[in-house]
Each structure stands twice: as C-alpha cells, then as structure tokens.
C-alpha cells in the first residue's frame, strides 16, 4: 500500500537570514528547512518541535502556517531514486527560543552535515529545496507580506 507522509518544516528568519540544515549528496551541498515527519498520534506542531530538537539542537516556538506543498517524487528530478515518495509538507513560521544556539542535533537527518544561517542574497544561488520557496522566503525576510498558500506539487 502506498502512503502519504506528513512533514512539518520550520521557517526561522532572523537578521535577514534563514536557518537551514546543510546536507550533502553525490551532487554536492544542498539546504533544507529543518523539520521532518509526523508520527502517529503527534500534532504537526509537536512533530516540528521534536524534529528541530533532533536536527538543530534548539527549542523553537511554532507560529502560523505559511505554506503547504505536495512533493510527489515521481514528478521531479529524483524520480528514479525516490519515485514512490509522496510527502505533504506544512511549513510554519517559527522562532528559536531566547538563549538557544542552533547546531547539529543528536539525531540529524541522513544527509545532514551542518546547520547554517543563509543570508537573503545567498538563498537564490545555492541548492535549496523546495526551490519554489526562494522568492516567498526572500519576501518574508524583507518583512513583506506573503499570503498563506498551497504551493502544489513542486520541488
């Protein structure tokens, strides 16, 4: 049976930078929003708090939902290796609790090599997934208004 996996992601912006996990694969370095899969019986916000503890070793406060996207791998660049993956991502505006210093957590993702604050002007020049978020994230970092939206099946 094919299943759809829910995932919660944190959009953490401070000083015109975005907190991301740095990852590496055979193509090189790429960046992702921190967060991950929801477990049975867990709310999306609880999943996000747990995932951020695991990946960025920081306590966060979960704010409003900003974006929702489908990721149906068979429709994108990793179709051959991830063809059966279907994930629905819920992306929330968050902030790191005072005094927390994000760093690689004790349960990083398989490809995770670090944690970074990416400046606004760098975001569009690196491998960042989902790439379709670059423009709305740049608007958020400039404190411009962004409508909550469903992004569709995008990479």
Protein backbone atom coordinates (compact mmCIF):
# COMPACT_ATOMS: atom_id res chain seq x y z
CA UNK A 1 0.00 0.00 0.00
CA UNK A 2 1.29 3.45 -0.90
CA UNK A 3 1.18 6.02 1.87
CA UNK A 4 1.35 9.78 2.06
CA UNK A 5 3.73 11.12 4.71
CA UNK A 6 3.05 14.38 6.55
CA UNK A 7 6.06 16.55 7.33
CA UNK A 8 6.35 19.76 9.35
CA UNK A 9 9.02 22.34 8.45
CA UNK A 10 10.29 25.41 10.30
CA UNK A 11 10.77 28.77 8.61
CA UNK A 12 13.08 30.57 11.03
CA UNK A 13 14.20 34.04 9.96
CA UNK A 14 16.46 36.36 11.94
CA UNK A 15 18.53 39.35 10.78
CA UNK A 16 17.68 38.72 7.11
CA UNK A 17 18.97 35.16 7.31
CA UNK A 18 17.17 31.83 7.11
CA UNK A 19 18.05 28.92 9.40
CA UNK A 20 18.64 25.79 7.31
CA UNK A 21 20.22 22.38 7.58
CA UNK A 22 23.25 21.86 5.35
CA UNK A 23 23.26 18.49 3.61
CA UNK A 24 25.45 16.65 1.13
CA UNK A 25 24.82 14.07 -1.57
CA UNK A 26 26.65 12.91 -4.68
CA UNK A 27 25.84 16.24 -6.38
CA UNK A 28 27.29 18.33 -3.55
CA UNK A 29 25.86 20.58 -0.86
CA UNK A 30 22.17 21.36 -0.56
CA UNK A 31 20.00 23.10 2.02
CA UNK A 32 16.64 22.29 3.60
CA UNK A 33 14.32 23.79 6.15
CA UNK A 34 14.64 22.00 9.49
CA UNK A 35 11.83 19.61 10.33
CA UNK A 36 10.54 16.22 9.36
CA UNK A 37 7.96 13.51 9.55
CA UNK A 38 4.92 13.47 11.77
CA UNK A 39 4.45 10.36 13.90
CA UNK A 40 1.12 8.68 14.59
CA UNK A 41 -0.68 10.48 17.43
CA UNK A 42 1.57 13.56 17.18
CA UNK A 43 0.33 17.02 16.19
CA UNK A 44 2.19 18.84 13.43
CA UNK A 45 3.49 21.44 15.89
CA UNK A 46 4.70 18.73 18.31
CA UNK A 47 6.41 16.96 15.40
CA UNK A 48 8.14 20.18 14.43
CA UNK A 49 9.38 20.87 17.96
CA UNK A 50 10.75 17.31 18.21
CA UNK A 51 12.36 17.39 14.77
CA UNK A 52 14.08 20.71 15.50
CA UNK A 53 15.44 19.31 18.76
CA UNK A 54 16.81 16.34 16.81
CA UNK A 55 18.23 18.25 13.80
CA UNK A 56 19.24 21.68 15.10
CA UNK A 57 19.50 21.03 18.86
CA UNK A 58 17.28 24.02 19.61
CA UNK A 59 13.94 24.64 21.22
CA UNK A 60 11.58 26.52 18.93
CA UNK A 61 8.23 28.25 19.16
CA UNK A 62 5.85 27.28 16.36
CA UNK A 63 3.87 30.12 14.81
CA UNK A 64 1.41 30.37 11.96
CA UNK A 65 1.17 28.06 8.98
CA UNK A 66 2.63 29.78 5.89
CA UNK A 67 2.88 27.21 3.09
CA UNK A 68 1.73 23.71 2.19
CA UNK A 69 3.28 21.69 -0.61
CA UNK A 70 2.95 18.27 -2.10
CA UNK A 71 6.15 16.53 -3.06
CA UNK A 72 5.40 13.64 -5.40
CA UNK A 73 8.93 12.47 -6.16
CA UNK A 74 7.99 10.62 -9.34
CA UNK A 75 7.24 14.00 -10.93
CA UNK A 76 10.62 15.58 -10.16
CA UNK A 77 14.39 15.32 -10.54
CA UNK A 78 14.78 12.44 -8.06
CA UNK A 79 12.06 10.29 -9.63
CA UNK A 80 14.41 7.38 -10.24
CA UNK A 81 15.64 7.11 -6.65
CA UNK A 82 12.56 8.32 -4.75
CA UNK A 83 9.78 7.55 -7.22
CA UNK A 84 7.24 6.26 -4.70
CA UNK A 85 7.67 9.07 -2.17
CA UNK A 86 4.65 11.31 -1.63
CA UNK A 87 5.06 13.83 1.16
CA UNK A 88 2.84 16.72 2.20
CA UNK A 89 4.85 19.46 3.89
CA UNK A 90 3.35 22.01 6.27
CA UNK A 91 5.69 24.99 6.70
CA UNK A 92 5.30 27.14 9.79
CA UNK A 93 6.84 30.47 10.75
CA UNK A 94 8.87 29.75 13.88
CA UNK A 95 11.49 31.33 16.07
CA UNK A 96 14.28 29.94 18.20
CA UNK A 97 13.76 30.41 21.93
CA UNK A 98 15.99 33.01 23.58
CA UNK A 99 19.40 31.67 24.52
CA UNK A 100 19.30 28.75 22.07
CA UNK A 101 22.23 28.30 19.67
CA UNK A 102 21.27 26.04 16.75
CA UNK A 103 23.82 23.37 15.86
CA UNK A 104 23.74 19.82 14.56
CA UNK A 105 21.49 17.85 16.89
CA UNK A 106 21.88 14.33 18.26
CA UNK A 107 19.56 12.82 15.60
CA UNK A 108 20.46 14.59 12.33
CA UNK A 109 18.98 13.56 9.02
CA UNK A 110 20.90 11.02 6.96
CA UNK A 111 22.45 13.60 4.61
CA UNK A 112 22.78 16.41 7.18
CA UNK A 113 26.28 17.84 7.67
CA UNK A 114 25.56 21.08 9.49
CA UNK A 115 23.27 23.96 10.40
CA UNK A 116 23.64 27.42 8.86
CA UNK A 117 22.05 30.84 8.74
CA UNK A 118 21.84 31.64 5.00
CA UNK A 119 21.75 35.33 4.08
CA UNK A 120 18.98 36.60 1.85
CA UNK A 121 21.32 37.30 -1.07
CA UNK A 122 22.76 33.74 -1.00
CA UNK A 123 19.48 31.83 -0.93
CA UNK A 124 18.85 32.10 -4.66
CA UNK A 125 22.40 30.96 -5.55
CA UNK A 126 22.53 27.65 -3.66
CA UNK A 127 20.76 24.29 -4.00
CA UNK A 128 17.78 24.90 -1.74
CA UNK A 129 14.72 22.67 -1.63
CA UNK A 130 11.99 23.39 -2.38
CA UNK A 131 13.44 25.93 -4.82
CA UNK A 132 10.00 27.40 -5.45
CA UNK A 133 10.15 28.86 -1.92
CA UNK A 134 13.12 31.13 -2.62
CA UNK A 135 11.02 34.10 -3.78
CA UNK A 136 8.39 33.93 -0.99
CA UNK A 137 11.13 33.38 1.62
CA UNK A 138 13.04 36.39 0.35
CA UNK A 139 9.85 38.44 0.66
CA UNK A 140 9.39 37.16 4.22
CA UNK A 141 12.99 38.02 5.09
CA UNK A 142 12.40 41.56 3.80
CA UNK A 143 9.31 41.60 6.05
CA UNK A 144 6.97 41.95 3.08
CA UNK A 145 3.57 40.34 3.29
CA UNK A 146 3.15 36.82 1.94
CA UNK A 147 -0.19 35.08 1.64
CA UNK A 148 -0.56 31.66 3.17
CA UNK A 149 -0.73 29.41 0.19
CA UNK A 150 -0.79 25.93 -1.23
CA UNK A 151 2.26 25.63 -3.47
CA UNK A 152 1.18 22.48 -5.33
CA UNK A 153 3.43 19.58 -6.35
CA UNK A 154 6.73 21.44 -6.51
CA UNK A 155 10.41 20.76 -5.93
